[in-house]
């Protein structure tokens, strides 16, 4: 025991690899549209009630990501880490242009909204991210098989590409959807963003390494849309689909599975040399 305490026994750093799925949660800042946005709101990721005579066609807004991180154990259960991540995500929007008509409900007249034109777009985006993380591990020094943890962090997010995977419209004149249109090339999406995140996880020891399971919520800090080019730079959505993007931050809930490899370099501590 006396000999053991004289040597560095913790790993000098760890390398973690995680893969997972994410679900987008657009957080609306301001609403825009070609119709009266105060009457009928857009429906994101299929969650909402459409006006009369319309349906909801949008999907669930799921994607995937892969993350590689270098981690360093500090002391008292704390770790820091710096990583690289590729994230592919998407969201769908159902948009409606309506007219009001009077209906008799329980003997009284009420104005009901009926859809004149319905559109749906599925928006896909890919990001290169650089996350920085601070993690606290419960019972880390007790060498237990399962180590729960909490973590917080921040990330720089760079937009690699954004496009509409799908676009359809019910009502109005004929249109042609261009699936190769790059929204980044049209400068409709903010290329740079920052986010903060918090996560809960569990490590399972495999000898000196770990299997990890994690749930994380990521909060974007800036507007996902470039508001200066909202109307002028995208004739496909504005004129053909009668659709205009809202201002919103693109938040994410994700779940991941990973493996963390420990790298050791035992050396005698300076005070015992």
C-alpha atoms as a PDB file:
ATOM      1  CA  UNK A   1       0.000   0.000   0.000  1.00  0.00           C
ATOM      2  CA  UNK A   2       2.823   2.401   0.813  1.00  0.00           C
ATOM      3  CA  UNK A   3       4.418   1.767  -2.581  1.00  0.00           C
ATOM      4  CA  UNK A   4       1.098   2.179  -4.409  1.00  0.00           C
ATOM      5  CA  UNK A   5       0.409   5.606  -2.924  1.00  0.00           C
ATOM      6  CA  UNK A   6       3.753   6.875  -4.226  1.00  0.00           C
ATOM      7  CA  UNK A   7       2.758   6.356  -7.871  1.00  0.00           C
ATOM      8  CA  UNK A   8       0.281   8.029 -10.190  1.00  0.00           C
ATOM      9  CA  UNK A   9      -2.504   5.460 -10.470  1.00  0.00           C
ATOM     10  CA  UNK A  10      -5.223   7.476 -12.248  1.00  0.00           C
ATOM     11  CA  UNK A  11      -5.352   7.504 -16.077  1.00  0.00           C
ATOM     12  CA  UNK A  12      -3.656  10.515 -17.634  1.00  0.00           C
ATOM     13  CA  UNK A  13      -6.706  10.909 -19.863  1.00  0.00           C
ATOM     14  CA  UNK A  14      -9.590   8.991 -21.396  1.00  0.00           C
ATOM     15  CA  UNK A  15     -10.957   8.803 -24.925  1.00  0.00           C
ATOM     16  CA  UNK A  16     -14.715   8.447 -25.304  1.00  0.00           C
ATOM     17  CA  UNK A  17     -16.822   7.602 -28.349  1.00  0.00           C
ATOM     18  CA  UNK A  18     -20.618   7.985 -28.280  1.00  0.00           C
ATOM     19  CA  UNK A  19     -23.402   7.499 -30.811  1.00  0.00           C
ATOM     20  CA  UNK A  20     -27.024   8.387 -30.310  1.00  0.00           C
ATOM     21  CA  UNK A  21     -30.316   9.788 -31.521  1.00  0.00           C
ATOM     22  CA  UNK A  22     -31.753  13.264 -31.049  1.00  0.00           C
ATOM     23  CA  UNK A  23     -35.152  14.915 -31.255  1.00  0.00           C
ATOM     24  CA  UNK A  24     -35.497  18.593 -32.155  1.00  0.00           C
ATOM     25  CA  UNK A  25     -37.587  21.112 -30.223  1.00  0.00           C
ATOM     26  CA  UNK A  26     -37.816  24.441 -32.090  1.00  0.00           C
ATOM     27  CA  UNK A  27     -38.230  27.194 -29.491  1.00  0.00           C
ATOM     28  CA  UNK A  28     -40.160  29.995 -31.226  1.00  0.00           C
ATOM     29  CA  UNK A  29     -38.884  33.569 -30.795  1.00  0.00           C
ATOM     30  CA  UNK A  30     -41.051  35.374 -33.384  1.00  0.00           C
ATOM     31  CA  UNK A  31     -43.645  34.020 -35.822  1.00  0.00           C
ATOM     32  CA  UNK A  32     -43.764  34.907 -39.523  1.00  0.00           C
ATOM     33  CA  UNK A  33     -45.891  33.729 -42.439  1.00  0.00           C
ATOM     34  CA  UNK A  34     -47.769  34.572 -45.606  1.00  0.00           C
ATOM     35  CA  UNK A  35     -51.095  34.280 -43.752  1.00  0.00           C
ATOM     36  CA  UNK A  36     -52.442  35.603 -40.468  1.00  0.00           C
ATOM     37  CA  UNK A  37     -50.076  34.004 -37.938  1.00  0.00           C
ATOM     38  CA  UNK A  38     -52.191  35.268 -35.042  1.00  0.00           C
ATOM     39  CA  UNK A  39     -55.091  32.972 -36.015  1.00  0.00           C
ATOM     40  CA  UNK A  40     -53.463  29.649 -36.864  1.00  0.00           C
ATOM     41  CA  UNK A  41     -49.999  28.727 -35.633  1.00  0.00           C
ATOM     42  CA  UNK A  42     -47.546  26.477 -37.423  1.00  0.00           C
ATOM     43  CA  UNK A  43     -47.331  22.905 -36.165  1.00  0.00           C
ATOM     44  CA  UNK A  44     -43.818  21.590 -35.530  1.00  0.00           C
ATOM     45  CA  UNK A  45     -42.894  17.884 -35.633  1.00  0.00           C
ATOM     46  CA  UNK A  46     -46.497  16.764 -35.944  1.00  0.00           C
ATOM     47  CA  UNK A  47     -47.584  18.001 -32.505  1.00  0.00           C
ATOM     48  CA  UNK A  48     -50.663  20.214 -32.737  1.00  0.00           C
ATOM     49  CA  UNK A  49     -54.269  20.662 -33.825  1.00  0.00           C
ATOM     50  CA  UNK A  50     -54.831  21.645 -37.487  1.00  0.00           C
ATOM     51  CA  UNK A  51     -57.699  23.871 -38.693  1.00  0.00           C
ATOM     52  CA  UNK A  52     -60.873  22.377 -40.177  1.00  0.00           C
ATOM     53  CA  UNK A  53     -60.399  20.515 -43.445  1.00  0.00           C
ATOM     54  CA  UNK A  54     -56.640  20.048 -42.949  1.00  0.00           C
ATOM     55  CA  UNK A  55     -54.344  17.324 -41.667  1.00  0.00           C
ATOM     56  CA  UNK A  56     -50.953  17.119 -39.958  1.00  0.00           C
ATOM     57  CA  UNK A  57     -48.316  15.541 -42.207  1.00  0.00           C
ATOM     58  CA  UNK A  58     -45.066  16.357 -40.415  1.00  0.00           C
ATOM     59  CA  UNK A  59     -42.789  13.760 -38.848  1.00  0.00           C
ATOM     60  CA  UNK A  60     -41.284  13.453 -35.376  1.00  0.00           C
ATOM     61  CA  UNK A  61     -38.108  15.465 -35.994  1.00  0.00           C
ATOM     62  CA  UNK A  62     -35.475  12.832 -35.160  1.00  0.00           C
ATOM     63  CA  UNK A  63     -31.825  12.589 -36.175  1.00  0.00           C
ATOM     64  CA  UNK A  64     -28.515  11.083 -35.058  1.00  0.00           C
ATOM     65  CA  UNK A  65     -25.065  12.122 -33.878  1.00  0.00           C
ATOM     66  CA  UNK A  66     -21.565  10.766 -33.230  1.00  0.00           C
ATOM     67  CA  UNK A  67     -19.253  12.257 -30.628  1.00  0.00           C
ATOM     68  CA  UNK A  68     -15.561  11.760 -29.786  1.00  0.00           C
ATOM     69  CA  UNK A  69     -14.152  13.308 -26.615  1.00  0.00           C
ATOM     70  CA  UNK A  70     -10.872  13.510 -24.708  1.00  0.00           C
ATOM     71  CA  UNK A  71     -11.475  13.565 -20.948  1.00  0.00           C
ATOM     72  CA  UNK A  72      -9.268  14.318 -17.974  1.00  0.00           C
ATOM     73  CA  UNK A  73     -10.008  13.358 -14.389  1.00  0.00           C
ATOM     74  CA  UNK A  74      -9.287  16.179 -11.941  1.00  0.00           C
ATOM     75  CA  UNK A  75     -10.147  15.261  -8.351  1.00  0.00           C
ATOM     76  CA  UNK A  76     -13.098  14.775  -5.967  1.00  0.00           C
ATOM     77  CA  UNK A  77     -15.120  13.117  -8.728  1.00  0.00           C
ATOM     78  CA  UNK A  78     -14.794  15.930 -11.310  1.00  0.00           C
ATOM     79  CA  UNK A  79     -13.776  15.516 -14.946  1.00  0.00           C
ATOM     80  CA  UNK A  80     -13.356  17.927 -17.849  1.00  0.00           C
ATOM     81  CA  UNK A  81     -13.593  17.030 -21.506  1.00  0.00           C
ATOM     82  CA  UNK A  82     -13.211  18.523 -24.978  1.00  0.00           C
ATOM     83  CA  UNK A  83     -14.726  16.884 -28.015  1.00  0.00           C
ATOM     84  CA  UNK A  84     -15.701  16.877 -31.660  1.00  0.00           C
ATOM     85  CA  UNK A  85     -19.204  15.983 -32.805  1.00  0.00           C
ATOM     86  CA  UNK A  86     -21.145  15.517 -36.014  1.00  0.00           C
ATOM     87  CA  UNK A  87     -24.879  16.035 -35.582  1.00  0.00           C
ATOM     88  CA  UNK A  88     -27.576  15.393 -38.152  1.00  0.00           C
ATOM     89  CA  UNK A  89     -31.032  16.608 -37.167  1.00  0.00           C
ATOM     90  CA  UNK A  90     -34.350  17.598 -38.693  1.00  0.00           C
ATOM     91  CA  UNK A  91     -37.694  19.158 -37.958  1.00  0.00           C
ATOM     92  CA  UNK A  92     -40.973  19.354 -39.870  1.00  0.00           C
ATOM     93  CA  UNK A  93     -43.423  22.246 -40.112  1.00  0.00           C
ATOM     94  CA  UNK A  94     -47.097  22.181 -41.105  1.00  0.00           C
ATOM     95  CA  UNK A  95     -48.268  25.629 -42.222  1.00  0.00           C
ATOM     96  CA  UNK A  96     -51.851  26.738 -43.019  1.00  0.00           C
ATOM     97  CA  UNK A  97     -53.566  29.640 -44.736  1.00  0.00           C
ATOM     98  CA  UNK A  98     -57.173  29.805 -43.537  1.00  0.00           C
ATOM     99  CA  UNK A  99     -60.467  31.665 -43.763  1.00  0.00           C
ATOM    100  CA  UNK A 100     -63.026  32.132 -40.981  1.00  0.00           C
ATOM    101  CA  UNK A 101     -66.606  30.934 -41.158  1.00  0.00           C
ATOM    102  CA  UNK A 102     -69.425  31.161 -38.638  1.00  0.00           C
ATOM    103  CA  UNK A 103     -70.637  27.967 -36.972  1.00  0.00           C
ATOM    104  CA  UNK A 104     -73.402  27.331 -34.477  1.00  0.00           C
ATOM    105  CA  UNK A 105     -71.996  25.700 -31.343  1.00  0.00           C
ATOM    106  CA  UNK A 106     -74.430  25.026 -28.444  1.00  0.00           C
ATOM    107  CA  UNK A 107     -76.801  27.636 -29.813  1.00  0.00           C
ATOM    108  CA  UNK A 108     -74.210  30.408 -30.206  1.00  0.00           C
ATOM    109  CA  UNK A 109     -72.225  31.557 -33.241  1.00  0.00           C
ATOM    110  CA  UNK A 110     -68.469  30.954 -33.263  1.00  0.00           C
ATOM    111  CA  UNK A 111     -65.846  31.673 -35.912  1.00  0.00           C
ATOM    112  CA  UNK A 112     -64.138  28.479 -37.075  1.00  0.00           C
ATOM    113  CA  UNK A 113     -60.998  28.385 -39.225  1.00  0.00           C
ATOM    114  CA  UNK A 114     -60.969  26.360 -42.452  1.00  0.00           C
ATOM    115  CA  UNK A 115     -57.798  25.634 -44.430  1.00  0.00           C
ATOM    116  CA  UNK A 116     -57.525  27.168 -47.901  1.00  0.00           C
ATOM    117  CA  UNK A 117     -53.932  26.032 -48.398  1.00  0.00           C
ATOM    118  CA  UNK A 118     -51.825  23.566 -46.393  1.00  0.00           C
ATOM    119  CA  UNK A 119     -48.082  23.070 -46.736  1.00  0.00           C
ATOM    120  CA  UNK A 120     -45.540  20.823 -45.050  1.00  0.00           C
ATOM    121  CA  UNK A 121     -41.751  20.995 -45.204  1.00  0.00           C
ATOM    122  CA  UNK A 122     -39.145  18.716 -43.621  1.00  0.00           C
ATOM    123  CA  UNK A 123     -35.971  20.590 -42.824  1.00  0.00           C
ATOM    124  CA  UNK A 124     -32.656  18.741 -42.367  1.00  0.00           C
ATOM    125  CA  UNK A 125     -29.469  20.244 -40.999  1.00  0.00           C
ATOM    126  CA  UNK A 126     -26.000  18.961 -40.148  1.00  0.00           C
ATOM    127  CA  UNK A 127     -23.584  20.572 -37.700  1.00  0.00           C
ATOM    128  CA  UNK A 128     -19.946  20.271 -36.714  1.00  0.00           C
ATOM    129  CA  UNK A 129     -19.764  20.878 -32.967  1.00  0.00           C
ATOM    130  CA  UNK A 130     -16.989  21.448 -30.422  1.00  0.00           C
ATOM    131  CA  UNK A 131     -18.384  20.677 -26.950  1.00  0.00           C
ATOM    132  CA  UNK A 132     -16.615  21.511 -23.667  1.00  0.00           C
ATOM    133  CA  UNK A 133     -17.900  19.609 -20.636  1.00  0.00           C
ATOM    134  CA  UNK A 134     -17.605  19.545 -16.839  1.00  0.00           C
ATOM    135  CA  UNK A 135     -18.767  16.273 -15.252  1.00  0.00           C
ATOM    136  CA  UNK A 136     -19.284  15.168 -11.669  1.00  0.00           C
ATOM    137  CA  UNK A 137     -19.173  11.424 -10.952  1.00  0.00           C
ATOM    138  CA  UNK A 138     -20.953  10.089  -7.869  1.00  0.00           C
ATOM    139  CA  UNK A 139     -19.001   7.529  -5.822  1.00  0.00           C
ATOM    140  CA  UNK A 140     -16.147   7.627  -8.335  1.00  0.00           C
ATOM    141  CA  UNK A 141     -13.379   6.916  -5.822  1.00  0.00           C
ATOM    142  CA  UNK A 142     -15.221   3.940  -4.314  1.00  0.00           C
ATOM    143  CA  UNK A 143     -14.470   1.799  -7.382  1.00  0.00           C
ATOM    144  CA  UNK A 144     -18.093   0.692  -7.728  1.00  0.00           C
ATOM    145  CA  UNK A 145     -19.304  -1.089 -10.849  1.00  0.00           C
ATOM    146  CA  UNK A 146     -21.884   1.593 -11.670  1.00  0.00           C
ATOM    147  CA  UNK A 147     -21.048   5.303 -11.515  1.00  0.00           C
ATOM    148  CA  UNK A 148     -23.931   7.777 -12.076  1.00  0.00           C
ATOM    149  CA  UNK A 149     -22.989  11.304 -13.131  1.00  0.00           C
ATOM    150  CA  UNK A 150     -24.290  14.734 -14.005  1.00  0.00           C
ATOM    151  CA  UNK A 151     -22.671  17.134 -16.455  1.00  0.00           C
ATOM    152  CA  UNK A 152     -22.964  20.632 -17.856  1.00  0.00           C
ATOM    153  CA  UNK A 153     -21.225  22.193 -20.808  1.00  0.00           C
ATOM    154  CA  UNK A 154     -21.172  24.551 -23.732  1.00  0.00           C
ATOM    155  CA  UNK A 155     -20.575  24.071 -27.438  1.00  0.00           C
ATOM    156  CA  UNK A 156     -19.655  25.978 -30.582  1.00  0.00           C
ATOM    157  CA  UNK A 157     -21.879  24.808 -33.448  1.00  0.00           C
ATOM    158  CA  UNK A 158     -20.971  25.331 -37.111  1.00  0.00           C
ATOM    159  CA  UNK A 159     -23.564  24.664 -39.824  1.00  0.00           C
ATOM    160  CA  UNK A 160     -22.285  22.243 -42.464  1.00  0.00           C
ATOM    161  CA  UNK A 161     -25.454  22.121 -44.571  1.00  0.00           C
ATOM    162  CA  UNK A 162     -29.202  22.673 -44.436  1.00  0.00           C
ATOM    163  CA  UNK A 163     -31.914  21.763 -46.933  1.00  0.00           C
ATOM    164  CA  UNK A 164     -35.560  20.778 -47.325  1.00  0.00           C
ATOM    165  CA  UNK A 165     -35.835  17.008 -47.585  1.00  0.00           C
ATOM    166  CA  UNK A 166     -39.487  17.206 -48.547  1.00  0.00           C
ATOM    167  CA  UNK A 167     -42.060  19.843 -49.389  1.00  0.00           C
ATOM    168  CA  UNK A 168     -45.699  19.420 -50.331  1.00  0.00           C
ATOM    169  CA  UNK A 169     -48.757  21.613 -50.665  1.00  0.00           C
ATOM    170  CA  UNK A 170     -52.491  21.053 -50.805  1.00  0.00           C
ATOM    171  CA  UNK A 171     -54.345  23.803 -52.665  1.00  0.00           C
ATOM    172  CA  UNK A 172     -53.144  26.660 -54.863  1.00  0.00           C
ATOM    173  CA  UNK A 173     -51.323  26.564 -58.188  1.00  0.00           C
ATOM    174  CA  UNK A 174     -48.922  23.856 -59.335  1.00  0.00           C
ATOM    175  CA  UNK A 175     -45.346  24.055 -58.097  1.00  0.00           C
ATOM    176  CA  UNK A 176     -42.075  22.120 -58.430  1.00  0.00           C
ATOM    177  CA  UNK A 177     -40.071  21.174 -55.334  1.00  0.00           C
ATOM    178  CA  UNK A 178     -36.273  21.421 -55.614  1.00  0.00           C
ATOM    179  CA  UNK A 179     -34.768  18.964 -53.103  1.00  0.00           C
ATOM    180  CA  UNK A 180     -31.193  19.969 -54.055  1.00  0.00           C
ATOM    181  CA  UNK A 181     -31.674  23.569 -52.912  1.00  0.00           C
ATOM    182  CA  UNK A 182     -29.078  24.469 -50.256  1.00  0.00           C
ATOM    183  CA  UNK A 183     -30.480  26.748 -47.565  1.00  0.00           C
ATOM    184  CA  UNK A 184     -26.938  27.420 -46.362  1.00  0.00           C
ATOM    185  CA  UNK A 185     -25.979  28.461 -49.892  1.00  0.00           C
ATOM    186  CA  UNK A 186     -28.921  30.882 -49.932  1.00  0.00           C
ATOM    187  CA  UNK A 187     -27.716  32.285 -46.590  1.00  0.00           C
ATOM    188  CA  UNK A 188     -31.075  31.591 -44.955  1.00  0.00           C
ATOM    189  CA  UNK A 189     -29.584  29.800 -41.929  1.00  0.00           C
ATOM    190  CA  UNK A 190     -27.165  31.181 -39.341  1.00  0.00           C
ATOM    191  CA  UNK A 191     -23.819  29.477 -39.965  1.00  0.00           C
ATOM    192  CA  UNK A 192     -22.509  29.952 -36.417  1.00  0.00           C
ATOM    193  CA  UNK A 193     -24.244  29.253 -33.147  1.00  0.00           C
ATOM    194  CA  UNK A 194     -23.518  28.505 -29.512  1.00  0.00           C
ATOM    195  CA  UNK A 195     -25.342  26.220 -27.131  1.00  0.00           C
ATOM    196  CA  UNK A 196     -25.350  25.049 -23.523  1.00  0.00           C
ATOM    197  CA  UNK A 197     -26.348  21.604 -22.316  1.00  0.00           C
ATOM    198  CA  UNK A 198     -26.969  19.484 -19.250  1.00  0.00           C
ATOM    199  CA  UNK A 199     -26.918  15.698 -19.033  1.00  0.00           C
ATOM    200  CA  UNK A 200     -27.570  12.735 -16.777  1.00  0.00           C
ATOM    201  CA  UNK A 201     -25.661   9.528 -17.303  1.00  0.00           C
ATOM    202  CA  UNK A 202     -24.452   6.214 -16.016  1.00  0.00           C
ATOM    203  CA  UNK A 203     -21.028   4.601 -16.381  1.00  0.00           C
ATOM    204  CA  UNK A 204     -20.554   0.849 -16.117  1.00  0.00           C
ATOM    205  CA  UNK A 205     -17.011  -0.273 -15.359  1.00  0.00           C
ATOM    206  CA  UNK A 206     -15.408  -2.749 -17.751  1.00  0.00           C
ATOM    207  CA  UNK A 207     -12.070  -3.432 -16.011  1.00  0.00           C
ATOM    208  CA  UNK A 208     -10.429   0.018 -16.174  1.00  0.00           C
ATOM    209  CA  UNK A 209     -12.744   1.332 -18.912  1.00  0.00           C
ATOM    210  CA  UNK A 210     -16.439   2.312 -19.077  1.00  0.00           C
ATOM    211  CA  UNK A 211     -19.622   1.728 -21.007  1.00  0.00           C
ATOM    212  CA  UNK A 212     -21.758   4.883 -20.855  1.00  0.00           C
ATOM    213  CA  UNK A 213     -25.458   5.668 -21.191  1.00  0.00           C
ATOM    214  CA  UNK A 214     -26.536   9.311 -21.301  1.00  0.00           C
ATOM    215  CA  UNK A 215     -29.556  11.601 -21.726  1.00  0.00           C
ATOM    216  CA  UNK A 216     -28.831  15.225 -22.638  1.00  0.00           C
ATOM    217  CA  UNK A 217     -30.786  18.404 -23.309  1.00  0.00           C
ATOM    218  CA  UNK A 218     -29.109  20.969 -25.562  1.00  0.00           C
ATOM    219  CA  UNK A 219     -30.264  24.616 -25.567  1.00  0.00           C
ATOM    220  CA  UNK A 220     -29.214  26.793 -28.517  1.00  0.00           C
ATOM    221  CA  UNK A 221     -28.425  30.391 -27.592  1.00  0.00           C
ATOM    222  CA  UNK A 222     -28.883  32.149 -30.947  1.00  0.00           C
ATOM    223  CA  UNK A 223     -31.505  32.345 -33.688  1.00  0.00           C
ATOM    224  CA  UNK A 224     -31.260  29.388 -36.085  1.00  0.00           C
ATOM    225  CA  UNK A 225     -32.639  31.517 -38.960  1.00  0.00           C
ATOM    226  CA  UNK A 226     -30.817  34.390 -40.670  1.00  0.00           C
ATOM    227  CA  UNK A 227     -33.617  37.029 -40.419  1.00  0.00           C
ATOM    228  CA  UNK A 228     -32.102  39.381 -43.009  1.00  0.00           C
ATOM    229  CA  UNK A 229     -32.796  36.989 -45.909  1.00  0.00           C
ATOM    230  CA  UNK A 230     -36.085  35.520 -44.700  1.00  0.00           C
ATOM    231  CA  UNK A 231     -38.238  36.880 -47.545  1.00  0.00           C
ATOM    232  CA  UNK A 232     -35.872  37.606 -50.406  1.00  0.00           C
ATOM    233  CA  UNK A 233     -33.553  34.613 -50.726  1.00  0.00           C
ATOM    234  CA  UNK A 234     -35.936  31.665 -50.929  1.00  0.00           C
ATOM    235  CA  UNK A 235     -38.555  31.862 -53.698  1.00  0.00           C
ATOM    236  CA  UNK A 236     -39.294  28.135 -53.272  1.00  0.00           C
ATOM    237  CA  UNK A 237     -40.760  28.421 -49.793  1.00  0.00           C
ATOM    238  CA  UNK A 238     -42.088  31.977 -49.903  1.00  0.00           C
ATOM    239  CA  UNK A 239     -43.892  31.849 -53.232  1.00  0.00           C
ATOM    240  CA  UNK A 240     -44.315  28.196 -54.209  1.00  0.00           C
ATOM    241  CA  UNK A 241     -45.082  26.772 -50.755  1.00  0.00           C
ATOM    242  CA  UNK A 242     -46.474  29.948 -49.143  1.00  0.00           C
ATOM    243  CA  UNK A 243     -44.164  29.193 -46.214  1.00  0.00           C
ATOM    244  CA  UNK A 244     -41.862  31.496 -44.251  1.00  0.00           C
ATOM    245  CA  UNK A 245     -39.549  30.370 -41.447  1.00  0.00           C
ATOM    246  CA  UNK A 246     -40.140  31.612 -37.899  1.00  0.00           C
ATOM    247  CA  UNK A 247     -37.344  32.918 -35.715  1.00  0.00           C
ATOM    248  CA  UNK A 248     -36.424  30.151 -33.284  1.00  0.00           C
ATOM    249  CA  UNK A 249     -33.619  28.442 -31.432  1.00  0.00           C
ATOM    250  CA  UNK A 250     -33.165  24.790 -32.324  1.00  0.00           C
ATOM    251  CA  UNK A 251     -33.063  22.827 -29.052  1.00  0.00           C
ATOM    252  CA  UNK A 252     -32.379  19.085 -28.802  1.00  0.00           C
ATOM    253  CA  UNK A 253     -33.067  16.153 -26.521  1.00  0.00           C
ATOM    254  CA  UNK A 254     -30.687  13.245 -27.126  1.00  0.00           C
ATOM    255  CA  UNK A 255     -29.904   9.737 -25.892  1.00  0.00           C
ATOM    256  CA  UNK A 256     -26.553   8.061 -26.428  1.00  0.00           C
ATOM    257  CA  UNK A 257     -24.526   4.901 -25.848  1.00  0.00           C
ATOM    258  CA  UNK A 258     -20.741   4.914 -25.730  1.00  0.00           C
ATOM    259  CA  UNK A 259     -17.428   3.444 -24.683  1.00  0.00           C
ATOM    260  CA  UNK A 260     -14.676   5.258 -22.783  1.00  0.00           C
ATOM    261  CA  UNK A 261     -11.105   3.978 -22.976  1.00  0.00           C
ATOM    262  CA  UNK A 262      -8.633   4.818 -20.184  1.00  0.00           C
ATOM    263  CA  UNK A 263      -4.980   5.557 -20.995  1.00  0.00           C
ATOM    264  CA  UNK A 264      -2.413   5.163 -18.201  1.00  0.00           C
ATOM    265  CA  UNK A 265       1.172   6.302 -17.712  1.00  0.00           C
ATOM    266  CA  UNK A 266       2.218   5.340 -14.150  1.00  0.00           C
ATOM    267  CA  UNK A 267       4.969   7.494 -12.725  1.00  0.00           C
ATOM    268  CA  UNK A 268       6.374   8.052  -9.286  1.00  0.00           C
ATOM    269  CA  UNK A 269       4.934  11.218  -7.768  1.00  0.00           C
ATOM    270  CA  UNK A 270       7.331  14.159  -7.509  1.00  0.00           C
ATOM    271  CA  UNK A 271       7.279  14.280  -3.713  1.00  0.00           C
ATOM    272  CA  UNK A 272       8.561  10.691  -3.569  1.00  0.00           C
ATOM    273  CA  UNK A 273      11.263  10.847  -6.221  1.00  0.00           C
END
